[in-house]
Amino acid sequence: MKIAVFCGSSNGNNPEYVKAAQALGRYFVEQDIDLVYGGGKVGLMGAIADSVLAHGGRVYGVIPEHLKQREIAHKGLTELRVVADMHERKAMMADMADAFVALPGGAGTLEEIFEAWTWAQLGHHTKPCAFYNVNGFYDLLKEMINKMSASGFVKPHYADMLIHCSDAETLVNSIKTYQAPQKKWH
């Protein structure tokens, strides 16, 4: 199994974010899960990639040419693919991955996980989309998604398809047992 992880290219201001990324990387290796991610060696991106590699796992990075220097492309990966732009990056990561997980991050992280979730709603894939809710980082976002649903902008079965977990074991088990909703377009 390959899981695409979207996360910050910075560490954030709470050391628990880095610890959680490292712990998730270690758990991926224990579960024989390969990491697909944005290809950088900095921030939470670098923390999870380094953890997977340090524990003997496989890491596949996908980085746009214009971010190769800015995000400081990771040189020690199993494979690093350099692509033309962000659209190609996301499409390639989506093709490579069996599931999508958002760790703490900023606007780019949200954009990536929301695009994967939107594609699932439209039926482009049946892969799980999850939020790794480290220290309640995504609590308010979950409330917002529920409000969107309660307000009639997101069907309840689409809101319910998102996985929200705060520990690695529950996250991976939820991904492995995920069943995409059967309802489409109603």
N, C-alpha and C. Protein backbone atom coordinates (compact mmCIF):
# COMPACT_ATOMS: atom_id res chain seq x y z
N MET A 1 0.85 -1.18 0.00
CA MET A 1 0.00 0.00 0.00
C MET A 1 0.89 1.24 0.00
N LYS A 2 0.44 2.24 -0.74
CA LYS A 2 1.12 3.54 -0.77
C LYS A 2 0.14 4.60 -0.29
N ILE A 3 0.58 5.41 0.67
CA ILE A 3 -0.26 6.49 1.18
C ILE A 3 0.41 7.82 0.86
N ALA A 4 -0.37 8.71 0.23
CA ALA A 4 0.10 10.07 -0.04
C ALA A 4 -0.16 10.92 1.20
N VAL A 5 0.86 11.60 1.65
CA VAL A 5 0.74 12.48 2.81
C VAL A 5 0.96 13.91 2.34
N PHE A 6 0.01 14.77 2.69
CA PHE A 6 0.12 16.21 2.46
C PHE A 6 0.39 16.85 3.81
N CYS A 7 1.39 17.74 3.87
CA CYS A 7 1.73 18.36 5.14
C CYS A 7 2.60 19.59 4.91
N GLY A 8 2.90 20.28 6.00
CA GLY A 8 3.64 21.52 5.92
C GLY A 8 5.09 21.36 5.49
N SER A 9 5.56 22.38 4.77
CA SER A 9 6.98 22.44 4.43
C SER A 9 7.73 23.20 5.53
N SER A 10 7.03 23.48 6.63
CA SER A 10 7.66 23.99 7.84
C SER A 10 7.26 23.06 8.98
N ASN A 11 7.89 23.24 10.14
CA ASN A 11 7.61 22.38 11.29
C ASN A 11 6.42 22.84 12.11
N GLY A 12 5.96 24.07 11.88
CA GLY A 12 4.95 24.63 12.78
C GLY A 12 5.60 25.04 14.08
N ASN A 13 4.79 25.54 15.00
CA ASN A 13 5.37 26.05 16.25
C ASN A 13 5.15 25.13 17.45
N ASN A 14 4.72 23.90 17.20
CA ASN A 14 4.54 22.93 18.28
C ASN A 14 5.38 21.70 17.95
N PRO A 15 6.32 21.33 18.81
CA PRO A 15 7.18 20.17 18.53
C PRO A 15 6.40 18.86 18.38
N GLU A 16 5.15 18.84 18.85
CA GLU A 16 4.33 17.64 18.72
C GLU A 16 4.03 17.32 17.25
N TYR A 17 4.01 18.34 16.40
CA TYR A 17 3.74 18.10 14.98
C TYR A 17 4.87 17.26 14.36
N VAL A 18 6.10 17.61 14.65
CA VAL A 18 7.25 16.85 14.13
C VAL A 18 7.25 15.45 14.72
N LYS A 19 7.01 15.35 16.03
CA LYS A 19 6.98 14.02 16.68
C LYS A 19 5.91 13.13 16.05
N ALA A 20 4.76 13.70 15.78
CA ALA A 20 3.67 12.92 15.18
C ALA A 20 4.02 12.48 13.77
N ALA A 21 4.64 13.35 12.98
CA ALA A 21 5.05 12.99 11.63
C ALA A 21 6.07 11.86 11.67
N GLN A 22 7.03 11.96 12.59
CA GLN A 22 8.04 10.91 12.72
C GLN A 22 7.42 9.59 13.16
N ALA A 23 6.51 9.66 14.12
CA ALA A 23 5.84 8.44 14.61
C ALA A 23 5.00 7.80 13.52
N LEU A 24 4.31 8.61 12.73
CA LEU A 24 3.51 8.07 11.63
C LEU A 24 4.40 7.41 10.59
N GLY A 25 5.54 8.03 10.29
CA GLY A 25 6.48 7.42 9.36
C GLY A 25 6.96 6.06 9.84
N ARG A 26 7.30 5.97 11.12
CA ARG A 26 7.73 4.69 11.70
C ARG A 26 6.59 3.66 11.61
N TYR A 27 5.37 4.09 11.91
CA TYR A 27 4.23 3.16 11.87
C TYR A 27 3.96 2.69 10.45
N PHE A 28 4.10 3.58 9.47
CA PHE A 28 3.96 3.17 8.07
C PHE A 28 4.90 2.01 7.76
N VAL A 29 6.15 2.13 8.17
CA VAL A 29 7.12 1.07 7.89
C VAL A 29 6.71 -0.23 8.59
N GLU A 30 6.27 -0.14 9.83
CA GLU A 30 5.83 -1.32 10.57
C GLU A 30 4.66 -2.01 9.86
N GLN A 31 3.83 -1.24 9.17
CA GLN A 31 2.67 -1.77 8.47
C GLN A 31 2.94 -2.04 6.99
N ASP A 32 4.19 -1.92 6.58
CA ASP A 32 4.62 -2.12 5.18
C ASP A 32 3.88 -1.18 4.23
N ILE A 33 3.79 0.08 4.63
CA ILE A 33 3.16 1.11 3.82
C ILE A 33 4.25 2.02 3.28
N ASP A 34 4.21 2.27 1.97
CA ASP A 34 5.14 3.20 1.33
C ASP A 34 4.58 4.62 1.43
N LEU A 35 5.47 5.59 1.52
CA LEU A 35 5.09 6.99 1.58
C LEU A 35 5.21 7.64 0.21
N VAL A 36 4.16 8.34 -0.19
CA VAL A 36 4.18 9.21 -1.36
C VAL A 36 3.99 10.61 -0.81
N TYR A 37 4.85 11.56 -1.19
CA TYR A 37 4.74 12.90 -0.63
C TYR A 37 5.37 13.91 -1.58
N GLY A 38 5.41 15.16 -1.17
CA GLY A 38 5.83 16.25 -2.03
C GLY A 38 7.30 16.37 -2.36
N GLY A 39 8.15 15.52 -1.84
CA GLY A 39 9.54 15.46 -2.26
C GLY A 39 10.53 16.39 -1.57
N GLY A 40 10.08 17.20 -0.62
CA GLY A 40 10.98 18.13 0.07
C GLY A 40 11.67 17.49 1.26
N LYS A 41 12.78 18.13 1.69
CA LYS A 41 13.49 17.61 2.86
C LYS A 41 13.32 18.51 4.08
N VAL A 42 12.44 19.51 3.98
CA VAL A 42 12.24 20.46 5.07
C VAL A 42 10.85 20.28 5.69
N GLY A 43 10.68 20.80 6.90
CA GLY A 43 9.40 20.80 7.57
C GLY A 43 8.89 19.41 7.89
N LEU A 44 7.55 19.32 8.02
CA LEU A 44 6.94 18.02 8.32
C LEU A 44 7.14 17.06 7.16
N MET A 45 7.24 17.61 5.93
CA MET A 45 7.51 16.76 4.77
C MET A 45 8.82 16.00 4.98
N GLY A 46 9.85 16.71 5.35
CA GLY A 46 11.14 16.07 5.59
C GLY A 46 11.12 15.15 6.79
N ALA A 47 10.38 15.53 7.83
CA ALA A 47 10.33 14.72 9.06
C ALA A 47 9.73 13.35 8.79
N ILE A 48 8.62 13.30 8.06
CA ILE A 48 8.01 11.99 7.81
C ILE A 48 8.85 11.18 6.83
N ALA A 49 9.40 11.83 5.81
CA ALA A 49 10.24 11.11 4.84
C ALA A 49 11.48 10.54 5.52
N ASP A 50 12.14 11.35 6.33
CA ASP A 50 13.34 10.88 7.04
C ASP A 50 13.01 9.72 7.98
N SER A 51 11.87 9.78 8.63
CA SER A 51 11.47 8.71 9.54
C SER A 51 11.23 7.40 8.80
N VAL A 52 10.51 7.47 7.69
CA VAL A 52 10.26 6.26 6.90
C VAL A 52 11.59 5.67 6.43
N LEU A 53 12.47 6.51 5.92
CA LEU A 53 13.77 6.03 5.44
C LEU A 53 14.62 5.46 6.57
N ALA A 54 14.63 6.14 7.71
CA ALA A 54 15.44 5.69 8.85
C ALA A 54 14.99 4.32 9.37
N HIS A 55 13.72 3.99 9.16
CA HIS A 55 13.20 2.71 9.63
C HIS A 55 13.12 1.67 8.52
N GLY A 56 13.76 1.97 7.39
CA GLY A 56 13.89 0.97 6.32
C GLY A 56 12.75 0.95 5.32
N GLY A 57 11.94 1.99 5.29
CA GLY A 57 10.81 2.02 4.37
C GLY A 57 11.14 2.67 3.04
N ARG A 58 10.12 2.73 2.18
CA ARG A 58 10.25 3.28 0.84
C ARG A 58 9.50 4.62 0.76
N VAL A 59 10.15 5.60 0.13
CA VAL A 59 9.59 6.94 0.02
C VAL A 59 9.68 7.41 -1.43
N TYR A 60 8.53 7.84 -1.95
CA TYR A 60 8.43 8.33 -3.31
C TYR A 60 8.03 9.80 -3.27
N GLY A 61 8.91 10.67 -3.74
CA GLY A 61 8.66 12.10 -3.74
C GLY A 61 8.32 12.60 -5.12
N VAL A 62 7.43 13.61 -5.15
CA VAL A 62 7.04 14.24 -6.42
C VAL A 62 7.13 15.75 -6.19
N ILE A 63 8.04 16.41 -6.89
CA ILE A 63 8.26 17.83 -6.65
C ILE A 63 8.28 18.59 -7.99
N PRO A 64 7.59 19.72 -8.05
CA PRO A 64 7.65 20.55 -9.26
C PRO A 64 9.03 21.18 -9.41
N GLU A 65 9.44 21.37 -10.62
CA GLU A 65 10.75 21.96 -10.91
C GLU A 65 10.94 23.28 -10.17
N HIS A 66 9.93 24.15 -10.18
CA HIS A 66 10.08 25.47 -9.55
C HIS A 66 10.19 25.41 -8.02
N LEU A 67 9.81 24.29 -7.42
CA LEU A 67 9.94 24.13 -5.96
C LEU A 67 11.15 23.29 -5.57
N LYS A 68 11.82 22.74 -6.55
CA LYS A 68 12.95 21.85 -6.28
C LYS A 68 13.98 22.53 -5.39
N GLN A 69 14.33 23.78 -5.69
CA GLN A 69 15.30 24.51 -4.88
C GLN A 69 14.65 25.12 -3.64
N ARG A 70 13.44 25.68 -3.80
CA ARG A 70 12.77 26.35 -2.69
C ARG A 70 12.46 25.41 -1.53
N GLU A 71 11.93 24.23 -1.85
CA GLU A 71 11.61 23.25 -0.81
C GLU A 71 12.80 22.34 -0.53
N ILE A 72 13.89 22.59 -1.20
CA ILE A 72 15.10 21.80 -1.03
C ILE A 72 14.78 20.32 -1.21
N ALA A 73 14.76 19.89 -2.45
CA ALA A 73 14.41 18.51 -2.78
C ALA A 73 15.24 17.51 -1.99
N HIS A 74 14.59 16.50 -1.50
CA HIS A 74 15.22 15.44 -0.71
C HIS A 74 16.03 14.55 -1.65
N LYS A 75 17.28 14.37 -1.35
CA LYS A 75 18.17 13.60 -2.24
C LYS A 75 18.23 12.11 -1.91
N GLY A 76 17.75 11.70 -0.71
CA GLY A 76 17.94 10.32 -0.28
C GLY A 76 16.73 9.42 -0.42
N LEU A 77 15.80 9.78 -1.30
CA LEU A 77 14.55 9.03 -1.42
C LEU A 77 14.71 7.76 -2.24
N THR A 78 13.76 6.88 -2.09
CA THR A 78 13.69 5.69 -2.94
C THR A 78 13.58 6.14 -4.39
N GLU A 79 12.73 7.16 -4.60
CA GLU A 79 12.58 7.73 -5.94
C GLU A 79 12.08 9.17 -5.80
N LEU A 80 12.68 10.08 -6.56
CA LEU A 80 12.23 11.46 -6.61
C LEU A 80 11.88 11.78 -8.06
N ARG A 81 10.63 12.17 -8.27
CA ARG A 81 10.19 12.55 -9.61
C ARG A 81 10.05 14.07 -9.64
N VAL A 82 10.66 14.69 -10.63
CA VAL A 82 10.56 16.13 -10.82
C VAL A 82 9.57 16.36 -11.96
N VAL A 83 8.53 17.17 -11.67
CA VAL A 83 7.46 17.40 -12.64
C VAL A 83 7.39 18.88 -12.99
N ALA A 84 6.56 19.20 -13.97
CA ALA A 84 6.50 20.58 -14.48
C ALA A 84 5.84 21.55 -13.51
N ASP A 85 4.75 21.13 -12.85
CA ASP A 85 4.00 22.09 -12.03
C ASP A 85 3.19 21.37 -10.96
N MET A 86 2.45 22.16 -10.17
CA MET A 86 1.66 21.62 -9.06
C MET A 86 0.55 20.70 -9.57
N HIS A 87 -0.06 21.02 -10.69
CA HIS A 87 -1.12 20.16 -11.23
C HIS A 87 -0.58 18.77 -11.54
N GLU A 88 0.58 18.73 -12.18
CA GLU A 88 1.18 17.44 -12.51
C GLU A 88 1.59 16.70 -11.24
N ARG A 89 2.08 17.45 -10.23
CA ARG A 89 2.47 16.84 -8.96
C ARG A 89 1.27 16.14 -8.33
N LYS A 90 0.16 16.85 -8.20
CA LYS A 90 -1.01 16.27 -7.55
C LYS A 90 -1.57 15.10 -8.34
N ALA A 91 -1.60 15.21 -9.64
CA ALA A 91 -2.11 14.11 -10.47
C ALA A 91 -1.23 12.87 -10.33
N MET A 92 0.08 13.07 -10.33
CA MET A 92 0.99 11.93 -10.20
C MET A 92 0.87 11.29 -8.81
N MET A 93 0.81 12.13 -7.78
CA MET A 93 0.65 11.59 -6.42
C MET A 93 -0.66 10.82 -6.30
N ALA A 94 -1.72 11.34 -6.90
CA ALA A 94 -3.02 10.67 -6.85
C ALA A 94 -2.97 9.32 -7.55
N ASP A 95 -2.28 9.26 -8.68
CA ASP A 95 -2.14 8.00 -9.41
C ASP A 95 -1.33 6.98 -8.61
N MET A 96 -0.31 7.45 -7.91
CA MET A 96 0.59 6.56 -7.18
C MET A 96 -0.02 6.03 -5.88
N ALA A 97 -0.91 6.81 -5.27
CA ALA A 97 -1.36 6.51 -3.91
C ALA A 97 -2.64 5.69 -3.86
N ASP A 98 -2.77 4.96 -2.76
CA ASP A 98 -4.00 4.20 -2.46
C ASP A 98 -4.88 4.94 -1.47
N ALA A 99 -4.34 6.00 -0.84
CA ALA A 99 -5.08 6.79 0.15
C ALA A 99 -4.36 8.12 0.31
N PHE A 100 -5.08 9.08 0.94
CA PHE A 100 -4.54 10.43 1.13
C PHE A 100 -4.71 10.83 2.60
N VAL A 101 -3.64 11.40 3.17
CA VAL A 101 -3.68 11.84 4.56
C VAL A 101 -3.12 13.25 4.65
N ALA A 102 -3.83 14.10 5.39
CA ALA A 102 -3.34 15.45 5.68
C ALA A 102 -2.84 15.50 7.11
N LEU A 103 -1.56 15.82 7.26
CA LEU A 103 -0.99 16.16 8.56
C LEU A 103 -1.14 17.67 8.71
N PRO A 104 -0.78 18.24 9.86
CA PRO A 104 -0.83 19.70 9.97
C PRO A 104 -0.06 20.37 8.84
N GLY A 105 -0.59 21.49 8.40
CA GLY A 105 0.02 22.25 7.33
C GLY A 105 -0.79 23.49 7.06
N GLY A 106 -0.47 24.16 5.98
CA GLY A 106 -1.12 25.42 5.64
C GLY A 106 -2.07 25.28 4.46
N ALA A 107 -2.18 26.37 3.71
CA ALA A 107 -3.13 26.43 2.60
C ALA A 107 -2.86 25.35 1.56
N GLY A 108 -1.60 25.08 1.25
CA GLY A 108 -1.29 24.05 0.26
C GLY A 108 -1.74 22.67 0.70
N THR A 109 -1.57 22.37 1.97
CA THR A 109 -2.01 21.09 2.52
C THR A 109 -3.52 20.95 2.37
N LEU A 110 -4.25 22.00 2.74
CA LEU A 110 -5.71 21.96 2.62
C LEU A 110 -6.14 21.83 1.17
N GLU A 111 -5.49 22.57 0.29
CA GLU A 111 -5.84 22.52 -1.12
C GLU A 111 -5.66 21.10 -1.66
N GLU A 112 -4.58 20.45 -1.27
CA GLU A 112 -4.29 19.11 -1.77
C GLU A 112 -5.30 18.08 -1.26
N ILE A 113 -5.58 18.09 0.05
CA ILE A 113 -6.52 17.10 0.58
C ILE A 113 -7.94 17.38 0.10
N PHE A 114 -8.30 18.66 -0.01
CA PHE A 114 -9.65 18.98 -0.50
C PHE A 114 -9.82 18.59 -1.96
N GLU A 115 -8.76 18.73 -2.76
CA GLU A 115 -8.88 18.30 -4.15
C GLU A 115 -9.07 16.79 -4.21
N ALA A 116 -8.31 16.04 -3.41
CA ALA A 116 -8.47 14.58 -3.39
C ALA A 116 -9.88 14.20 -2.93
N TRP A 117 -10.40 14.90 -1.93
CA TRP A 117 -11.76 14.65 -1.43
C TRP A 117 -12.79 15.00 -2.51
N THR A 118 -12.60 16.11 -3.20
CA THR A 118 -13.51 16.51 -4.27
C THR A 118 -13.52 15.46 -5.38
N TRP A 119 -12.33 14.97 -5.75
CA TRP A 119 -12.25 13.93 -6.77
C TRP A 119 -13.02 12.69 -6.33
N ALA A 120 -12.95 12.35 -5.04
CA ALA A 120 -13.69 11.20 -4.52
C ALA A 120 -15.19 11.44 -4.63
N GLN A 121 -15.63 12.65 -4.29
CA GLN A 121 -17.06 12.98 -4.39
C GLN A 121 -17.55 12.87 -5.83
N LEU A 122 -16.71 13.26 -6.77
CA LEU A 122 -17.09 13.23 -8.18
C LEU A 122 -16.96 11.83 -8.80
N GLY A 123 -16.44 10.89 -8.02
CA GLY A 123 -16.31 9.53 -8.51
C GLY A 123 -15.06 9.25 -9.31
N HIS A 124 -14.08 10.16 -9.27
CA HIS A 124 -12.84 9.93 -10.00
C HIS A 124 -11.98 8.86 -9.34
N HIS A 125 -12.19 8.63 -8.05
CA HIS A 125 -11.51 7.54 -7.35
C HIS A 125 -12.35 7.15 -6.14
N THR A 126 -12.01 6.02 -5.54
CA THR A 126 -12.70 5.53 -4.34
C THR A 126 -11.72 5.40 -3.18
N LYS A 127 -10.67 6.20 -3.20
CA LYS A 127 -9.61 6.12 -2.19
C LYS A 127 -9.98 6.95 -0.96
N PRO A 128 -9.61 6.47 0.23
CA PRO A 128 -9.91 7.24 1.44
C PRO A 128 -9.11 8.52 1.55
N CYS A 129 -9.74 9.52 2.16
CA CYS A 129 -9.12 10.81 2.46
C CYS A 129 -9.21 11.01 3.97
N ALA A 130 -8.09 11.35 4.60
CA ALA A 130 -8.05 11.41 6.05
C ALA A 130 -7.31 12.64 6.56
N PHE A 131 -7.73 13.07 7.75
CA PHE A 131 -7.05 14.13 8.48
C PHE A 131 -6.42 13.50 9.71
N TYR A 132 -5.09 13.63 9.82
CA TYR A 132 -4.38 13.16 11.01
C TYR A 132 -4.39 14.33 11.98
N ASN A 133 -5.28 14.25 12.95
CA ASN A 133 -5.63 15.37 13.80
C ASN A 133 -4.70 15.49 15.02
N VAL A 134 -3.48 15.88 14.78
CA VAL A 134 -2.47 16.00 15.83
C VAL A 134 -2.82 17.16 16.77
N ASN A 135 -2.95 16.86 18.04
CA ASN A 135 -3.26 17.88 19.07
C ASN A 135 -4.46 18.74 18.70
N GLY A 136 -5.46 18.14 18.09
CA GLY A 136 -6.68 18.87 17.74
C GLY A 136 -6.52 19.87 16.61
N PHE A 137 -5.44 19.74 15.84
CA PHE A 137 -5.15 20.71 14.77
C PHE A 137 -6.34 20.89 13.83
N TYR A 138 -7.05 19.81 13.51
CA TYR A 138 -8.14 19.90 12.55
C TYR A 138 -9.53 19.93 13.18
N ASP A 139 -9.64 20.15 14.48
CA ASP A 139 -10.95 20.19 15.14
C ASP A 139 -11.87 21.24 14.52
N LEU A 140 -11.38 22.46 14.34
CA LEU A 140 -12.22 23.52 13.79
C LEU A 140 -12.59 23.26 12.33
N LEU A 141 -11.69 22.64 11.58
CA LEU A 141 -11.99 22.31 10.20
C LEU A 141 -13.11 21.26 10.15
N LYS A 142 -13.06 20.29 11.03
CA LYS A 142 -14.12 19.28 11.08
C LYS A 142 -15.46 19.95 11.39
N GLU A 143 -15.45 20.91 12.31
CA GLU A 143 -16.66 21.66 12.61
C GLU A 143 -17.15 22.40 11.37
N MET A 144 -16.24 22.99 10.62
CA MET A 144 -16.61 23.72 9.42
C MET A 144 -17.22 22.79 8.38
N ILE A 145 -16.63 21.62 8.20
CA ILE A 145 -17.17 20.64 7.24
C ILE A 145 -18.57 20.22 7.67
N ASN A 146 -18.76 20.00 8.97
CA ASN A 146 -20.09 19.66 9.47
C ASN A 146 -21.08 20.80 9.22
N LYS A 147 -20.63 22.04 9.38
CA LYS A 147 -21.49 23.19 9.12
C LYS A 147 -21.84 23.27 7.63
N MET A 148 -20.86 23.00 6.78
CA MET A 148 -21.11 22.98 5.34
C MET A 148 -22.19 21.95 5.01
N SER A 149 -22.11 20.80 5.66
CA SER A 149 -23.09 19.75 5.44
C SER A 149 -24.46 20.15 5.99
N ALA A 150 -24.48 20.65 7.23
CA ALA A 150 -25.74 21.07 7.85
C ALA A 150 -26.40 22.21 7.08
N SER A 151 -25.60 23.01 6.39
CA SER A 151 -26.11 24.15 5.62
C SER A 151 -26.51 23.76 4.20
N GLY A 152 -26.36 22.50 3.84
CA GLY A 152 -26.80 22.03 2.54
C GLY A 152 -25.81 22.16 1.41
N PHE A 153 -24.53 22.41 1.73
CA PHE A 153 -23.52 22.55 0.68
C PHE A 153 -22.69 21.29 0.46
N VAL A 154 -22.69 20.39 1.43
CA VAL A 154 -21.98 19.11 1.32
C VAL A 154 -22.96 18.03 1.76
N LYS A 155 -23.20 17.06 0.92
CA LYS A 155 -24.09 15.96 1.29
C LYS A 155 -23.51 15.24 2.52
N PRO A 156 -24.36 14.83 3.46
CA PRO A 156 -23.85 14.17 4.67
C PRO A 156 -22.96 12.97 4.38
N HIS A 157 -23.28 12.17 3.36
CA HIS A 157 -22.45 11.00 3.06
C HIS A 157 -21.08 11.40 2.52
N TYR A 158 -20.95 12.61 1.96
CA TYR A 158 -19.64 13.09 1.54
C TYR A 158 -18.84 13.60 2.74
N ALA A 159 -19.49 14.27 3.67
CA ALA A 159 -18.81 14.70 4.89
C ALA A 159 -18.35 13.48 5.69
N ASP A 160 -19.21 12.46 5.72
CA ASP A 160 -18.90 11.25 6.50
C ASP A 160 -17.79 10.42 5.88
N MET A 161 -17.50 10.62 4.61
CA MET A 161 -16.46 9.82 3.97
C MET A 161 -15.05 10.21 4.44
N LEU A 162 -14.92 11.39 5.06
CA LEU A 162 -13.61 11.83 5.56
C LEU A 162 -13.28 11.12 6.86
N ILE A 163 -12.04 10.69 6.96
CA ILE A 163 -11.55 10.04 8.18
C ILE A 163 -10.86 11.10 9.02
N HIS A 164 -11.19 11.13 10.31
CA HIS A 164 -10.55 12.04 11.26
C HIS A 164 -9.99 11.19 12.39
N CYS A 165 -8.66 11.16 12.54
CA CYS A 165 -8.03 10.33 13.56
C CYS A 165 -6.88 11.09 14.21
N SER A 166 -6.61 10.73 15.45
CA SER A 166 -5.49 11.39 16.15
C SER A 166 -4.41 10.41 16.56
N ASP A 167 -4.51 9.14 16.14
CA ASP A 167 -3.41 8.21 16.40
C ASP A 167 -3.18 7.35 15.15
N ALA A 168 -1.94 6.93 14.99
CA ALA A 168 -1.51 6.24 13.76
C ALA A 168 -2.23 4.92 13.55
N GLU A 169 -2.42 4.15 14.59
CA GLU A 169 -3.05 2.84 14.43
C GLU A 169 -4.49 2.98 13.95
N THR A 170 -5.26 3.87 14.56
CA THR A 170 -6.64 4.08 14.13
C THR A 170 -6.68 4.62 12.71
N LEU A 171 -5.78 5.53 12.39
CA LEU A 171 -5.71 6.09 11.05
C LEU A 171 -5.51 5.00 10.00
N VAL A 172 -4.50 4.19 10.19
CA VAL A 172 -4.19 3.14 9.21
C VAL A 172 -5.31 2.10 9.15
N ASN A 173 -5.85 1.70 10.30
CA ASN A 173 -6.96 0.74 10.30
C ASN A 173 -8.18 1.32 9.58
N SER A 174 -8.45 2.60 9.79
CA SER A 174 -9.59 3.24 9.11
C SER A 174 -9.37 3.28 7.60
N ILE A 175 -8.14 3.53 7.19
CA ILE A 175 -7.83 3.54 5.76
C ILE A 175 -7.99 2.14 5.17
N LYS A 176 -7.48 1.15 5.88
CA LYS A 176 -7.54 -0.23 5.36
C LYS A 176 -8.97 -0.76 5.27
N THR A 177 -9.86 -0.29 6.13
CA THR A 177 -11.24 -0.79 6.14
C THR A 177 -12.22 0.16 5.46
N TYR A 178 -11.73 1.22 4.86
CA TYR A 178 -12.57 2.24 4.24
C TYR A 178 -13.43 1.66 3.12
N GLN A 179 -14.69 2.08 3.09
CA GLN A 179 -15.60 1.75 2.00
C GLN A 179 -16.17 3.05 1.46
N ALA A 180 -15.95 3.31 0.20
CA ALA A 180 -16.47 4.54 -0.41
C ALA A 180 -17.99 4.49 -0.42
N PRO A 181 -18.63 5.65 -0.24
CA PRO A 181 -20.09 5.67 -0.30
C PRO A 181 -20.59 5.27 -1.67
N GLN A 182 -21.73 4.62 -1.70
CA GLN A 182 -22.31 4.17 -2.96
C GLN A 182 -23.12 5.25 -3.64
N LYS A 183 -23.64 6.21 -2.85
CA LYS A 183 -24.45 7.29 -3.41
C LYS A 183 -23.56 8.25 -4.20
N LYS A 184 -24.00 8.63 -5.35
CA LYS A 184 -23.31 9.65 -6.15
C LYS A 184 -24.35 10.61 -6.69
N TRP A 185 -24.04 11.89 -6.60
CA TRP A 185 -24.83 12.95 -7.21
C TRP A 185 -26.24 13.12 -6.63
N HIS A 186 -26.46 12.68 -5.39
CA HIS A 186 -27.75 13.01 -4.77
C HIS A 186 -27.51 13.60 -3.43
